[in-house]
C-alpha cells in the first residue's frame, strides 16, 4: 500500500490498441514535449533533471471493464510523464509550439499539463512482458480483496523499462490501483 500525493504530469489521451499508429504518435508527442521542457529548463539554468518514466492510465467505458485480454479497440488511455514543479503552463505551451513546428503531423496539441492525485493505492512490480501481466494483476486484485479494500480508480501502469531496449522477460512495470475500504 502507498499514499500517492497530487503530482504534476504532462498527459495525452487516446483510445484503442497500444500497438496502433495513433498510440505510437501520441507517445512520441508526449516524449517530444517532455524532452523539450527538460532542455528548456536546463538551458535556462533553472533545473537539470532526467525525464521520468512514462505512465499509463487504462480503462473502458464499463466500470472495471479493463482487462489485458479484453478487446483493445474498447480501451481508453491517458499516457503521462511526471514533471517537476518548475514547469509552468506557459513553458508547456511554448514547448508544444516548438515541437509542432519541428514535427508537423505529430498530435502534440493534445499534450496538456495537469495534476493527478490517486491517494491510497495498492501496487505491485511486474517483471516480464506485458502479455504476462494478467497473473500479476490477479495477485494484486487478491491482495486488495484480502485486505478489505476495493478498487476505486483506473488501472495504472508505470513503465520502468524501455520496451525498445529491454528484453521482454526483463521488463519492469509497476501496476497500481487506487483503493478504498469496503466498509
Protein backbone atom coordinates (compact mmCIF):
# COMPACT_ATOMS: atom_id res chain seq x y z
CA UNK A 1 0.00 0.00 0.00
CA UNK A 2 1.20 3.51 -0.83
CA UNK A 3 -0.20 7.02 -0.49
CA UNK A 4 0.25 8.91 -3.75
CA UNK A 5 0.01 12.72 -3.49
CA UNK A 6 -1.21 15.07 -6.18
CA UNK A 7 1.59 15.48 -8.73
CA UNK A 8 2.01 17.43 -12.00
CA UNK A 9 2.10 15.47 -15.25
CA UNK A 10 2.24 16.02 -18.97
CA UNK A 11 -0.69 13.99 -20.31
CA UNK A 12 -2.20 12.92 -23.61
CA UNK A 13 -5.45 10.98 -24.05
CA UNK A 14 -6.46 8.40 -26.59
CA UNK A 15 -8.36 5.23 -27.32
CA UNK A 16 -7.71 1.87 -28.86
CA UNK A 17 -4.90 -0.62 -29.21
CA UNK A 18 -1.50 0.41 -27.80
CA UNK A 19 0.08 -1.26 -30.85
CA UNK A 20 -1.63 1.25 -33.18
CA UNK A 21 -0.01 4.11 -35.08
CA UNK A 22 -2.22 6.58 -33.18
CA UNK A 23 -0.92 5.37 -29.83
CA UNK A 24 2.70 5.48 -31.01
CA UNK A 25 2.25 9.03 -32.33
CA UNK A 26 0.67 10.14 -29.04
CA UNK A 27 3.57 8.71 -27.03
CA UNK A 28 6.07 10.33 -29.39
CA UNK A 29 4.29 13.68 -28.92
CA UNK A 30 4.33 13.24 -25.14
CA UNK A 31 8.06 12.47 -25.09
CA UNK A 32 8.77 15.33 -27.51
CA UNK A 33 7.13 17.75 -25.10
CA UNK A 34 8.80 16.18 -22.04
CA UNK A 35 12.29 16.40 -23.54
CA UNK A 36 11.64 19.91 -24.88
CA UNK A 37 10.67 21.07 -21.39
CA UNK A 38 13.68 19.33 -19.84
CA UNK A 39 16.08 21.05 -22.24
CA UNK A 40 14.38 24.45 -21.81
CA UNK A 41 14.75 24.27 -18.02
CA UNK A 42 18.34 23.04 -18.29
CA UNK A 43 19.36 25.67 -20.86
CA UNK A 44 17.83 28.48 -18.78
CA UNK A 45 19.77 27.31 -15.70
CA UNK A 46 16.58 26.68 -13.72
CA UNK A 47 16.85 22.91 -13.27
CA UNK A 48 18.60 19.84 -14.62
CA UNK A 49 16.68 16.57 -14.22
CA UNK A 50 16.08 13.28 -16.04
CA UNK A 51 12.83 12.72 -17.93
CA UNK A 52 10.76 10.48 -15.67
CA UNK A 53 9.32 7.10 -16.77
CA UNK A 54 6.12 7.14 -18.78
CA UNK A 55 2.92 6.03 -17.09
CA UNK A 56 -0.45 4.96 -18.38
CA UNK A 57 -3.98 5.02 -17.04
CA UNK A 58 -6.14 2.37 -18.73
CA UNK A 59 -9.92 1.83 -18.65
CA UNK A 60 -13.01 1.04 -20.70
CA UNK A 61 -16.50 2.54 -20.75
CA UNK A 62 -17.63 -0.27 -18.44
CA UNK A 63 -16.77 0.18 -14.75
CA UNK A 64 -13.78 -2.08 -14.01
CA UNK A 65 -14.09 -3.37 -17.58
CA UNK A 66 -10.40 -3.04 -18.42
CA UNK A 67 -8.63 -6.37 -18.70
CA UNK A 68 -5.45 -7.32 -20.53
CA UNK A 69 -7.34 -9.89 -22.56
CA UNK A 70 -10.24 -7.55 -23.38
CA UNK A 71 -10.97 -6.06 -26.80
CA UNK A 72 -8.23 -3.49 -27.27
CA UNK A 73 -10.49 -1.42 -29.53
CA UNK A 74 -12.51 -0.63 -26.37
CA UNK A 75 -9.51 0.55 -24.34
CA UNK A 76 -9.19 4.20 -23.31
CA UNK A 77 -5.91 5.58 -22.05
CA UNK A 78 -4.08 8.58 -20.71
CA UNK A 79 -0.32 8.45 -21.14
CA UNK A 80 1.63 10.72 -18.83
CA UNK A 81 5.08 11.76 -17.62
CA UNK A 82 5.59 13.35 -14.20
CA UNK A 83 7.00 16.89 -14.25
CA UNK A 84 8.94 18.96 -11.72
CA UNK A 85 7.05 21.81 -10.03
CA UNK A 86 9.04 24.40 -12.02
CA UNK A 87 7.09 23.51 -15.19
CA UNK A 88 4.52 26.21 -15.99
CA UNK A 89 1.58 26.26 -18.42
CA UNK A 90 3.44 28.92 -20.43
CA UNK A 91 6.52 26.72 -20.76
CA UNK A 92 4.33 23.82 -21.88
CA UNK A 93 2.57 26.00 -24.48
CA UNK A 94 5.90 27.29 -25.83
CA UNK A 95 7.32 23.77 -25.99
CA UNK A 96 4.24 22.38 -27.73
CA UNK A 97 4.51 25.13 -30.36
CA UNK A 98 8.21 24.34 -30.89
CA UNK A 99 7.60 20.59 -31.20
CA UNK A 100 4.66 21.16 -33.57
CA UNK A 101 6.84 23.26 -35.89
CA UNK A 102 9.65 20.67 -35.87
CA UNK A 103 7.39 17.64 -36.30
CA UNK A 104 4.22 18.59 -38.20
CA UNK A 105 1.52 15.95 -38.01
CA UNK A 106 2.51 14.80 -34.53
CA UNK A 107 -0.52 15.19 -32.20
CA UNK A 108 1.41 17.40 -29.77
CA UNK A 109 -1.58 19.77 -29.47
CA UNK A 110 -3.20 17.02 -27.38
CA UNK A 111 -0.48 17.25 -24.70
CA UNK A 112 -1.51 19.11 -21.55
CA UNK A 113 -0.12 19.85 -18.09
CA UNK A 114 -2.42 18.67 -15.30
CA UNK A 115 -2.26 17.45 -11.73
CA UNK A 116 -3.18 13.87 -10.93
CA UNK A 117 -3.99 12.55 -7.45
CA UNK A 118 -4.64 8.94 -6.51
CA UNK A 119 -4.40 8.87 -2.73
CA UNK A 120 -4.32 5.41 -1.14
CA UNK A 121 -3.16 2.77 -3.64
CA UNK A 122 -2.13 -0.82 -3.83
CA UNK A 123 0.66 -1.66 -6.27
CA UNK A 124 2.91 -4.49 -7.37
CA UNK A 125 6.03 -4.83 -9.54
CA UNK A 126 5.54 -6.96 -12.64
CA UNK A 127 8.68 -8.38 -14.24
CA UNK A 128 8.22 -9.72 -17.76
CA UNK A 129 6.42 -8.87 -20.99
CA UNK A 130 3.09 -7.06 -21.00
CA UNK A 131 1.31 -10.22 -22.18
CA UNK A 132 2.12 -11.93 -18.84
CA UNK A 133 0.67 -9.11 -16.70
CA UNK A 134 -2.71 -10.82 -16.06
CA UNK A 135 -1.25 -13.22 -13.46
CA UNK A 136 0.37 -10.30 -11.62
CA UNK A 137 -2.85 -8.28 -11.83
CA UNK A 138 -4.78 -11.24 -10.39
CA UNK A 139 -2.35 -11.36 -7.44
CA UNK A 140 -2.84 -7.64 -6.84
CA UNK A 141 -6.64 -7.96 -7.04
CA UNK A 142 -6.49 -10.81 -4.50
CA UNK A 143 -4.33 -8.70 -2.16
CA UNK A 144 -6.80 -5.82 -2.41
CA UNK A 145 -9.76 -8.08 -1.62
CA UNK A 146 -7.90 -9.90 1.19
CA UNK A 147 -7.25 -6.53 2.86
CA UNK A 148 -10.92 -5.46 2.80
CA UNK A 149 -10.34 -2.94 0.03
CA UNK A 150 -11.95 -2.34 -3.36
CA UNK A 151 -10.59 -0.73 -6.50
CA UNK A 152 -11.52 2.95 -6.57
CA UNK A 153 -9.91 4.18 -9.80
CA UNK A 154 -8.27 3.31 -13.07
CA UNK A 155 -5.69 0.65 -13.85
CA UNK A 156 -2.33 2.47 -13.67
CA UNK A 157 0.98 1.28 -15.08
CA UNK A 158 4.41 2.85 -14.55
CA UNK A 159 6.89 1.74 -17.20
CA UNK A 160 10.33 1.37 -15.63
CA UNK A 161 11.83 -0.24 -18.75
CA UNK A 162 12.07 0.87 -22.35
CA UNK A 163 10.43 -1.90 -24.43
CA UNK A 164 12.64 -0.93 -27.39
CA UNK A 165 15.84 -1.60 -25.40
CA UNK A 166 14.89 -4.23 -22.81
CA UNK A 167 14.42 -7.95 -23.35
CA UNK A 168 10.73 -8.79 -22.76
CA UNK A 169 11.48 -11.13 -19.85
CA UNK A 170 13.40 -8.33 -18.08
CA UNK A 171 10.85 -5.54 -18.50
CA UNK A 172 9.69 -3.97 -15.23
CA UNK A 173 6.26 -2.37 -14.80
CA UNK A 174 4.61 -1.14 -11.62
CA UNK A 175 0.89 -1.93 -11.66
CA UNK A 176 -1.18 0.29 -9.36
CA UNK A 177 -4.83 0.72 -8.37
CA UNK A 178 -6.34 3.42 -6.18
CA UNK A 179 -8.27 1.66 -3.40
CA UNK A 180 -10.75 2.36 -0.62
CA UNK A 181 -12.04 0.28 2.29
CA UNK A 182 -15.01 -1.98 1.58
CA UNK A 183 -16.83 -0.52 4.61
